[in-house]
Amino acid sequence: MSKKRKAAPQPNTSSREDKAPTLKDMLSADILQKLKLQADELKASEEKQKQDALAKAEEARKQEQKRNENDMSYLLDHYKVDNSKYK
């Protein structure tokens, strides 16, 4: 019978001081705050652009629908005849 191997020893968990400092640690608080504000502004502007694009697409769809409602050939082509309703 073979011997069972013991579990490998757990690697020592090094604390934050043992690791190299991160960029967040090296930046001052005011610079970090400015970066957060800038990121928030960018997110807000992207959201505004998305909303504007959606509103513009919706407006274009409404204009197309209004134009089609006034076009007799479009109405005739898309008219569904169901005579069974009227019997």
PDB file of N, CA and C in Angstrom:
ATOM      1  N   MET A   1       0.839  -1.162   0.000  1.00  0.00           N
ATOM      2  CA  MET A   1       0.000   0.000   0.000  1.00  0.00           C
ATOM      3  C   MET A   1       0.890   1.233   0.000  1.00  0.00           C
ATOM      4  N   SER A   2       0.407   2.196  -0.731  1.00  0.00           N
ATOM      5  CA  SER A   2       1.194   3.421  -0.801  1.00  0.00           C
ATOM      6  C   SER A   2       0.791   4.367   0.317  1.00  0.00           C
ATOM      7  N   LYS A   3       1.724   5.188   0.662  1.00  0.00           N
ATOM      8  CA  LYS A   3       1.458   6.130   1.724  1.00  0.00           C
ATOM      9  C   LYS A   3       0.673   7.315   1.159  1.00  0.00           C
ATOM     10  N   LYS A   4      -0.220   7.806   1.979  1.00  0.00           N
ATOM     11  CA  LYS A   4      -0.976   8.988   1.558  1.00  0.00           C
ATOM     12  C   LYS A   4      -0.098  10.215   1.761  1.00  0.00           C
ATOM     13  N   ARG A   5      -0.182  11.084   0.758  1.00  0.00           N
ATOM     14  CA  ARG A   5       0.587  12.322   0.870  1.00  0.00           C
ATOM     15  C   ARG A   5      -0.166  13.317   1.738  1.00  0.00           C
ATOM     16  N   LYS A   6       0.591  14.037   2.473  1.00  0.00           N
ATOM     17  CA  LYS A   6      -0.012  15.081   3.283  1.00  0.00           C
ATOM     18  C   LYS A   6      -0.310  16.271   2.378  1.00  0.00           C
ATOM     19  N   ALA A   7      -1.315  17.036   2.766  1.00  0.00           N
ATOM     20  CA  ALA A   7      -1.679  18.221   1.989  1.00  0.00           C
ATOM     21  C   ALA A   7      -0.510  19.194   1.979  1.00  0.00           C
ATOM     22  N   ALA A   8      -0.358  19.894   0.865  1.00  0.00           N
ATOM     23  CA  ALA A   8       0.728  20.861   0.744  1.00  0.00           C
ATOM     24  C   ALA A   8       0.509  21.978   1.763  1.00  0.00           C
ATOM     25  N   PRO A   9       1.562  22.460   2.348  1.00  0.00           N
ATOM     26  CA  PRO A   9       1.405  23.533   3.332  1.00  0.00           C
ATOM     27  C   PRO A   9       0.834  24.783   2.665  1.00  0.00           C
ATOM     28  N   GLN A  10      -0.005  25.469   3.411  1.00  0.00           N
ATOM     29  CA  GLN A  10      -0.635  26.683   2.894  1.00  0.00           C
ATOM     30  C   GLN A  10       0.439  27.756   2.718  1.00  0.00           C
ATOM     31  N   PRO A  11       0.397  28.453   1.575  1.00  0.00           N
ATOM     32  CA  PRO A  11       1.380  29.535   1.410  1.00  0.00           C
ATOM     33  C   PRO A  11       1.063  30.652   2.400  1.00  0.00           C
ATOM     34  N   ASN A  12       2.105  31.272   2.859  1.00  0.00           N
ATOM     35  CA  ASN A  12       1.925  32.355   3.828  1.00  0.00           C
ATOM     36  C   ASN A  12       1.192  33.504   3.161  1.00  0.00           C
ATOM     37  N   THR A  13       0.142  33.950   3.811  1.00  0.00           N
ATOM     38  CA  THR A  13      -0.597  35.084   3.274  1.00  0.00           C
ATOM     39  C   THR A  13       0.139  36.341   3.668  1.00  0.00           C
ATOM     40  N   SER A  14       0.633  37.034   2.666  1.00  0.00           N
ATOM     41  CA  SER A  14       1.392  38.247   2.966  1.00  0.00           C
ATOM     42  C   SER A  14       0.441  39.419   3.124  1.00  0.00           C
ATOM     43  N   SER A  15       0.782  40.282   4.017  1.00  0.00           N
ATOM     44  CA  SER A  15      -0.074  41.432   4.277  1.00  0.00           C
ATOM     45  C   SER A  15       0.155  42.490   3.197  1.00  0.00           C
ATOM     46  N   ARG A  16      -0.659  43.516   3.214  1.00  0.00           N
ATOM     47  CA  ARG A  16      -0.602  44.571   2.206  1.00  0.00           C
ATOM     48  C   ARG A  16       0.743  45.307   2.249  1.00  0.00           C
ATOM     49  N   GLU A  17       1.369  45.374   3.407  1.00  0.00           N
ATOM     50  CA  GLU A  17       2.642  46.084   3.524  1.00  0.00           C
ATOM     51  C   GLU A  17       3.760  45.340   2.794  1.00  0.00           C
ATOM     52  N   ASP A  18       3.650  44.021   2.690  1.00  0.00           N
ATOM     53  CA  ASP A  18       4.689  43.243   2.029  1.00  0.00           C
ATOM     54  C   ASP A  18       4.647  43.418   0.521  1.00  0.00           C
ATOM     55  N   LYS A  19       3.475  43.719  -0.016  1.00  0.00           N
ATOM     56  CA  LYS A  19       3.328  43.886  -1.463  1.00  0.00           C
ATOM     57  C   LYS A  19       3.785  45.269  -1.871  1.00  0.00           C
ATOM     58  N   ALA A  20       4.026  45.410  -3.160  1.00  0.00           N
ATOM     59  CA  ALA A  20       4.400  46.720  -3.681  1.00  0.00           C
ATOM     60  C   ALA A  20       3.196  47.643  -3.595  1.00  0.00           C
ATOM     61  N   PRO A  21       3.387  48.915  -3.388  1.00  0.00           N
ATOM     62  CA  PRO A  21       2.250  49.839  -3.281  1.00  0.00           C
ATOM     63  C   PRO A  21       1.516  49.944  -4.628  1.00  0.00           C
ATOM     64  N   THR A  22       0.221  50.052  -4.532  1.00  0.00           N
ATOM     65  CA  THR A  22      -0.580  50.163  -5.746  1.00  0.00           C
ATOM     66  C   THR A  22      -0.679  51.625  -6.148  1.00  0.00           C
ATOM     67  N   LEU A  23      -1.212  51.846  -7.332  1.00  0.00           N
ATOM     68  CA  LEU A  23      -1.369  53.205  -7.823  1.00  0.00           C
ATOM     69  C   LEU A  23      -2.324  53.990  -6.931  1.00  0.00           C
ATOM     70  N   LYS A  24      -3.352  53.319  -6.448  1.00  0.00           N
ATOM     71  CA  LYS A  24      -4.314  53.968  -5.561  1.00  0.00           C
ATOM     72  C   LYS A  24      -3.634  54.429  -4.278  1.00  0.00           C
ATOM     73  N   ASP A  25      -2.701  53.631  -3.783  1.00  0.00           N
ATOM     74  CA  ASP A  25      -1.992  54.001  -2.563  1.00  0.00           C
ATOM     75  C   ASP A  25      -1.048  55.184  -2.797  1.00  0.00           C
ATOM     76  N   MET A  26      -0.492  55.270  -4.001  1.00  0.00           N
ATOM     77  CA  MET A  26       0.483  56.317  -4.284  1.00  0.00           C
ATOM     78  C   MET A  26      -0.172  57.661  -4.598  1.00  0.00           C
ATOM     79  N   LEU A  27      -1.430  57.646  -5.075  1.00  0.00           N
ATOM     80  CA  LEU A  27      -2.093  58.900  -5.416  1.00  0.00           C
ATOM     81  C   LEU A  27      -2.602  59.597  -4.161  1.00  0.00           C
ATOM     82  N   SER A  28      -2.598  60.907  -4.228  1.00  0.00           N
ATOM     83  CA  SER A  28      -3.136  61.655  -3.092  1.00  0.00           C
ATOM     84  C   SER A  28      -4.660  61.625  -3.154  1.00  0.00           C
ATOM     85  N   ALA A  29      -5.286  61.959  -2.057  1.00  0.00           N
ATOM     86  CA  ALA A  29      -6.741  61.875  -1.948  1.00  0.00           C
ATOM     87  C   ALA A  29      -7.441  62.832  -2.900  1.00  0.00           C
ATOM     88  N   ASP A  30      -6.889  64.049  -3.095  1.00  0.00           N
ATOM     89  CA  ASP A  30      -7.556  65.005  -3.978  1.00  0.00           C
ATOM     90  C   ASP A  30      -7.484  64.566  -5.431  1.00  0.00           C
ATOM     91  N   ILE A  31      -6.392  63.976  -5.851  1.00  0.00           N
ATOM     92  CA  ILE A  31      -6.280  63.474  -7.223  1.00  0.00           C
ATOM     93  C   ILE A  31      -7.226  62.295  -7.420  1.00  0.00           C
ATOM     94  N   LEU A  32      -7.309  61.437  -6.441  1.00  0.00           N
ATOM     95  CA  LEU A  32      -8.217  60.295  -6.521  1.00  0.00           C
ATOM     96  C   LEU A  32      -9.665  60.760  -6.608  1.00  0.00           C
ATOM     97  N   GLN A  33     -10.016  61.789  -5.849  1.00  0.00           N
ATOM     98  CA  GLN A  33     -11.372  62.352  -5.891  1.00  0.00           C
ATOM     99  C   GLN A  33     -11.660  62.953  -7.265  1.00  0.00           C
ATOM    100  N   LYS A  34     -10.691  63.662  -7.842  1.00  0.00           N
ATOM    101  CA  LYS A  34     -10.866  64.245  -9.179  1.00  0.00           C
ATOM    102  C   LYS A  34     -11.082  63.157 -10.223  1.00  0.00           C
ATOM    103  N   LEU A  35     -10.334  62.087 -10.114  1.00  0.00           N
ATOM    104  CA  LEU A  35     -10.487  60.984 -11.059  1.00  0.00           C
ATOM    105  C   LEU A  35     -11.863  60.336 -10.940  1.00  0.00           C
ATOM    106  N   LYS A  36     -12.351  60.189  -9.720  1.00  0.00           N
ATOM    107  CA  LYS A  36     -13.689  59.625  -9.520  1.00  0.00           C
ATOM    108  C   LYS A  36     -14.758  60.533 -10.110  1.00  0.00           C
ATOM    109  N   LEU A  37     -14.617  61.843  -9.898  1.00  0.00           N
ATOM    110  CA  LEU A  37     -15.574  62.792 -10.467  1.00  0.00           C
ATOM    111  C   LEU A  37     -15.552  62.750 -11.993  1.00  0.00           C
ATOM    112  N   GLN A  38     -14.353  62.660 -12.558  1.00  0.00           N
ATOM    113  CA  GLN A  38     -14.232  62.597 -14.009  1.00  0.00           C
ATOM    114  C   GLN A  38     -14.874  61.315 -14.545  1.00  0.00           C
ATOM    115  N   ALA A  39     -14.692  60.213 -13.867  1.00  0.00           N
ATOM    116  CA  ALA A  39     -15.299  58.952 -14.289  1.00  0.00           C
ATOM    117  C   ALA A  39     -16.819  59.041 -14.217  1.00  0.00           C
ATOM    118  N   ASP A  40     -17.338  59.663 -13.166  1.00  0.00           N
ATOM    119  CA  ASP A  40     -18.787  59.845 -13.044  1.00  0.00           C
ATOM    120  C   ASP A  40     -19.330  60.722 -14.163  1.00  0.00           C
ATOM    121  N   GLU A  41     -18.598  61.787 -14.508  1.00  0.00           N
ATOM    122  CA  GLU A  41     -19.023  62.673 -15.587  1.00  0.00           C
ATOM    123  C   GLU A  41     -19.036  61.928 -16.920  1.00  0.00           C
ATOM    124  N   LEU A  42     -18.037  61.101 -17.146  1.00  0.00           N
ATOM    125  CA  LEU A  42     -17.991  60.326 -18.391  1.00  0.00           C
ATOM    126  C   LEU A  42     -19.158  59.351 -18.477  1.00  0.00           C
ATOM    127  N   LYS A  43     -19.474  58.703 -17.362  1.00  0.00           N
ATOM    128  CA  LYS A  43     -20.609  57.785 -17.348  1.00  0.00           C
ATOM    129  C   LYS A  43     -21.908  58.523 -17.620  1.00  0.00           C
ATOM    130  N   ALA A  44     -22.045  59.710 -17.023  1.00  0.00           N
ATOM    131  CA  ALA A  44     -23.262  60.504 -17.223  1.00  0.00           C
ATOM    132  C   ALA A  44     -23.380  60.958 -18.675  1.00  0.00           C
ATOM    133  N   SER A  45     -22.274  61.367 -19.271  1.00  0.00           N
ATOM    134  CA  SER A  45     -22.334  61.823 -20.661  1.00  0.00           C
ATOM    135  C   SER A  45     -22.638  60.662 -21.602  1.00  0.00           C
ATOM    136  N   GLU A  46     -22.095  59.475 -21.325  1.00  0.00           N
ATOM    137  CA  GLU A  46     -22.414  58.305 -22.149  1.00  0.00           C
ATOM    138  C   GLU A  46     -23.894  57.951 -22.037  1.00  0.00           C
ATOM    139  N   GLU A  47     -24.428  58.023 -20.830  1.00  0.00           N
ATOM    140  CA  GLU A  47     -25.843  57.724 -20.623  1.00  0.00           C
ATOM    141  C   GLU A  47     -26.714  58.745 -21.356  1.00  0.00           C
ATOM    142  N   LYS A  48     -26.308  60.005 -21.319  1.00  0.00           N
ATOM    143  CA  LYS A  48     -27.057  61.056 -22.018  1.00  0.00           C
ATOM    144  C   LYS A  48     -27.022  60.813 -23.523  1.00  0.00           C
ATOM    145  N   GLN A  49     -25.879  60.414 -24.046  1.00  0.00           N
ATOM    146  CA  GLN A  49     -25.773  60.132 -25.480  1.00  0.00           C
ATOM    147  C   GLN A  49     -26.665  58.962 -25.864  1.00  0.00           C
ATOM    148  N   LYS A  50     -26.717  57.937 -25.028  1.00  0.00           N
ATOM    149  CA  LYS A  50     -27.587  56.797 -25.308  1.00  0.00           C
ATOM    150  C   LYS A  50     -29.043  57.223 -25.313  1.00  0.00           C
ATOM    151  N   GLN A  51     -29.438  58.047 -24.323  1.00  0.00           N
ATOM    152  CA  GLN A  51     -30.816  58.519 -24.252  1.00  0.00           C
ATOM    153  C   GLN A  51     -31.160  59.374 -25.462  1.00  0.00           C
ATOM    154  N   ASP A  52     -30.215  60.230 -25.888  1.00  0.00           N
ATOM    155  CA  ASP A  52     -30.452  61.067 -27.057  1.00  0.00           C
ATOM    156  C   ASP A  52     -30.612  60.218 -28.317  1.00  0.00           C
ATOM    157  N   ALA A  53     -29.777  59.192 -28.446  1.00  0.00           N
ATOM    158  CA  ALA A  53     -29.866  58.317 -29.608  1.00  0.00           C
ATOM    159  C   ALA A  53     -31.203  57.563 -29.619  1.00  0.00           C
ATOM    160  N   LEU A  54     -31.650  57.096 -28.451  1.00  0.00           N
ATOM    161  CA  LEU A  54     -32.934  56.404 -28.376  1.00  0.00           C
ATOM    162  C   LEU A  54     -34.084  57.342 -28.716  1.00  0.00           C
ATOM    163  N   ALA A  55     -34.016  58.579 -28.216  1.00  0.00           N
ATOM    164  CA  ALA A  55     -35.073  59.552 -28.500  1.00  0.00           C
ATOM    165  C   ALA A  55     -35.100  59.899 -29.985  1.00  0.00           C
ATOM    166  N   LYS A  56     -33.930  60.034 -30.579  1.00  0.00           N
ATOM    167  CA  LYS A  56     -33.856  60.352 -32.004  1.00  0.00           C
ATOM    168  C   LYS A  56     -34.404  59.200 -32.840  1.00  0.00           C
ATOM    169  N   ALA A  57     -34.083  57.970 -32.465  1.00  0.00           N
ATOM    170  CA  ALA A  57     -34.596  56.804 -33.192  1.00  0.00           C
ATOM    171  C   ALA A  57     -36.113  56.705 -33.051  1.00  0.00           C
ATOM    172  N   GLU A  58     -36.623  56.979 -31.860  1.00  0.00           N
ATOM    173  CA  GLU A  58     -38.073  56.938 -31.630  1.00  0.00           C
ATOM    174  C   GLU A  58     -38.780  58.016 -32.448  1.00  0.00           C
ATOM    175  N   GLU A  59     -38.192  59.189 -32.498  1.00  0.00           N
ATOM    176  CA  GLU A  59     -38.769  60.281 -33.285  1.00  0.00           C
ATOM    177  C   GLU A  59     -38.769  59.930 -34.773  1.00  0.00           C
ATOM    178  N   ALA A  60     -37.689  59.324 -35.251  1.00  0.00           N
ATOM    179  CA  ALA A  60     -37.625  58.919 -36.656  1.00  0.00           C
ATOM    180  C   ALA A  60     -38.676  57.845 -36.955  1.00  0.00           C
ATOM    181  N   ARG A  61     -38.880  56.930 -36.016  1.00  0.00           N
ATOM    182  CA  ARG A  61     -39.891  55.886 -36.210  1.00  0.00           C
ATOM    183  C   ARG A  61     -41.287  56.495 -36.274  1.00  0.00           C
ATOM    184  N   LYS A  62     -41.546  57.454 -35.405  1.00  0.00           N
ATOM    185  CA  LYS A  62     -42.854  58.116 -35.409  1.00  0.00           C
ATOM    186  C   LYS A  62     -43.080  58.882 -36.703  1.00  0.00           C
ATOM    187  N   GLN A  63     -42.047  59.565 -37.180  1.00  0.00           N
ATOM    188  CA  GLN A  63     -42.167  60.298 -38.441  1.00  0.00           C
ATOM    189  C   GLN A  63     -42.439  59.346 -39.605  1.00  0.00           C
ATOM    190  N   GLU A  64     -41.748  58.223 -39.625  1.00  0.00           N
ATOM    191  CA  GLU A  64     -41.954  57.222 -40.685  1.00  0.00           C
ATOM    192  C   GLU A  64     -43.374  56.669 -40.624  1.00  0.00           C
ATOM    193  N   GLN A  65     -43.865  56.391 -39.423  1.00  0.00           N
ATOM    194  CA  GLN A  65     -45.215  55.863 -39.271  1.00  0.00           C
ATOM    195  C   GLN A  65     -46.255  56.897 -39.726  1.00  0.00           C
ATOM    196  N   LYS A  66     -46.029  58.140 -39.371  1.00  0.00           N
ATOM    197  CA  LYS A  66     -46.960  59.197 -39.766  1.00  0.00           C
ATOM    198  C   LYS A  66     -46.972  59.357 -41.287  1.00  0.00           C
ATOM    199  N   ARG A  67     -45.783  59.287 -41.889  1.00  0.00           N
ATOM    200  CA  ARG A  67     -45.691  59.396 -43.343  1.00  0.00           C
ATOM    201  C   ARG A  67     -46.396  58.222 -44.012  1.00  0.00           C
ATOM    202  N   ASN A  68     -46.226  57.018 -43.451  1.00  0.00           N
ATOM    203  CA  ASN A  68     -46.856  55.829 -44.028  1.00  0.00           C
ATOM    204  C   ASN A  68     -48.374  55.861 -43.870  1.00  0.00           C
ATOM    205  N   GLU A  69     -48.867  56.436 -42.781  1.00  0.00           N
ATOM    206  CA  GLU A  69     -50.317  56.516 -42.581  1.00  0.00           C
ATOM    207  C   GLU A  69     -50.977  57.426 -43.613  1.00  0.00           C
ATOM    208  N   ASN A  70     -50.243  58.360 -44.162  1.00  0.00           N
ATOM    209  CA  ASN A  70     -50.780  59.264 -45.169  1.00  0.00           C
ATOM    210  C   ASN A  70     -50.528  58.768 -46.593  1.00  0.00           C
ATOM    211  N   ASP A  71     -49.821  57.680 -46.756  1.00  0.00           N
ATOM    212  CA  ASP A  71     -49.494  57.142 -48.073  1.00  0.00           C
ATOM    213  C   ASP A  71     -50.503  56.047 -48.423  1.00  0.00           C
ATOM    214  N   MET A  72     -51.329  56.310 -49.434  1.00  0.00           N
ATOM    215  CA  MET A  72     -52.403  55.389 -49.781  1.00  0.00           C
ATOM    216  C   MET A  72     -51.857  54.048 -50.293  1.00  0.00           C
ATOM    217  N   SER A  73     -50.800  54.063 -51.088  1.00  0.00           N
ATOM    218  CA  SER A  73     -50.278  52.797 -51.610  1.00  0.00           C
ATOM    219  C   SER A  73     -49.736  51.920 -50.478  1.00  0.00           C
ATOM    220  N   TYR A  74     -49.118  52.523 -49.473  1.00  0.00           N
ATOM    221  CA  TYR A  74     -48.632  51.760 -48.323  1.00  0.00           C
ATOM    222  C   TYR A  74     -49.801  51.150 -47.564  1.00  0.00           C
ATOM    223  N   LEU A  75     -50.850  51.931 -47.369  1.00  0.00           N
ATOM    224  CA  LEU A  75     -52.012  51.424 -46.644  1.00  0.00           C
ATOM    225  C   LEU A  75     -52.675  50.271 -47.390  1.00  0.00           C
ATOM    226  N   LEU A  76     -52.779  50.387 -48.708  1.00  0.00           N
ATOM    227  CA  LEU A  76     -53.385  49.307 -49.496  1.00  0.00           C
ATOM    228  C   LEU A  76     -52.531  48.047 -49.485  1.00  0.00           C
ATOM    229  N   ASP A  77     -51.221  48.221 -49.529  1.00  0.00           N
ATOM    230  CA  ASP A  77     -50.324  47.060 -49.527  1.00  0.00           C
ATOM    231  C   ASP A  77     -50.345  46.337 -48.185  1.00  0.00           C
ATOM    232  N   HIS A  78     -50.560  47.049 -47.099  1.00  0.00           N
ATOM    233  CA  HIS A  78     -50.498  46.450 -45.772  1.00  0.00           C
ATOM    234  C   HIS A  78     -51.857  46.238 -45.128  1.00  0.00           C
ATOM    235  N   TYR A  79     -52.900  46.397 -45.874  1.00  0.00           N
ATOM    236  CA  TYR A  79     -54.242  46.192 -45.359  1.00  0.00           C
ATOM    237  C   TYR A  79     -54.531  44.701 -45.320  1.00  0.00           C
ATOM    238  N   LYS A  80     -54.968  44.201 -44.196  1.00  0.00           N
ATOM    239  CA  LYS A  80     -55.263  42.781 -44.044  1.00  0.00           C
ATOM    240  C   LYS A  80     -56.766  42.583 -44.195  1.00  0.00           C
ATOM    241  N   VAL A  81     -57.129  41.797 -45.190  1.00  0.00           N
ATOM    242  CA  VAL A  81     -58.525  41.545 -45.444  1.00  0.00           C
ATOM    243  C   VAL A  81     -58.925  40.267 -44.711  1.00  0.00           C
ATOM    244  N   ASP A  82     -59.880  40.403 -43.809  1.00  0.00           N
ATOM    245  CA  ASP A  82     -60.383  39.260 -43.071  1.00  0.00           C
ATOM    246  C   ASP A  82     -61.910  39.343 -43.082  1.00  0.00           C
ATOM    247  N   ASN A  83     -62.487  38.764 -44.145  1.00  0.00           N
ATOM    248  CA  ASN A  83     -63.933  38.863 -44.322  1.00  0.00           C
ATOM    249  C   ASN A  83     -64.716  38.015 -43.323  1.00  0.00           C
ATOM    250  N   SER A  84     -64.058  37.083 -42.675  1.00  0.00           N
ATOM    251  CA  SER A  84     -64.777  36.230 -41.737  1.00  0.00           C
ATOM    252  C   SER A  84     -65.279  37.015 -40.521  1.00  0.00           C
ATOM    253  N   LYS A  85     -64.673  38.137 -40.234  1.00  0.00           N
ATOM    254  CA  LYS A  85     -65.123  38.977 -39.123  1.00  0.00           C
ATOM    255  C   LYS A  85     -66.489  39.600 -39.395  1.00  0.00           C
ATOM    256  N   TYR A  86     -66.759  39.852 -40.649  1.00  0.00           N
ATOM    257  CA  TYR A  86     -67.945  40.621 -41.002  1.00  0.00           C
ATOM    258  C   TYR A  86     -69.125  39.760 -41.427  1.00  0.00           C
ATOM    259  N   LYS A  87     -69.062  38.471 -41.285  1.00  0.00           N
ATOM    260  CA  LYS A  87     -70.169  37.591 -41.667  1.00  0.00           C
ATOM    261  C   LYS A  87     -71.157  37.435 -40.567  1.00  0.00           C
TER     262      LYS A  87
END
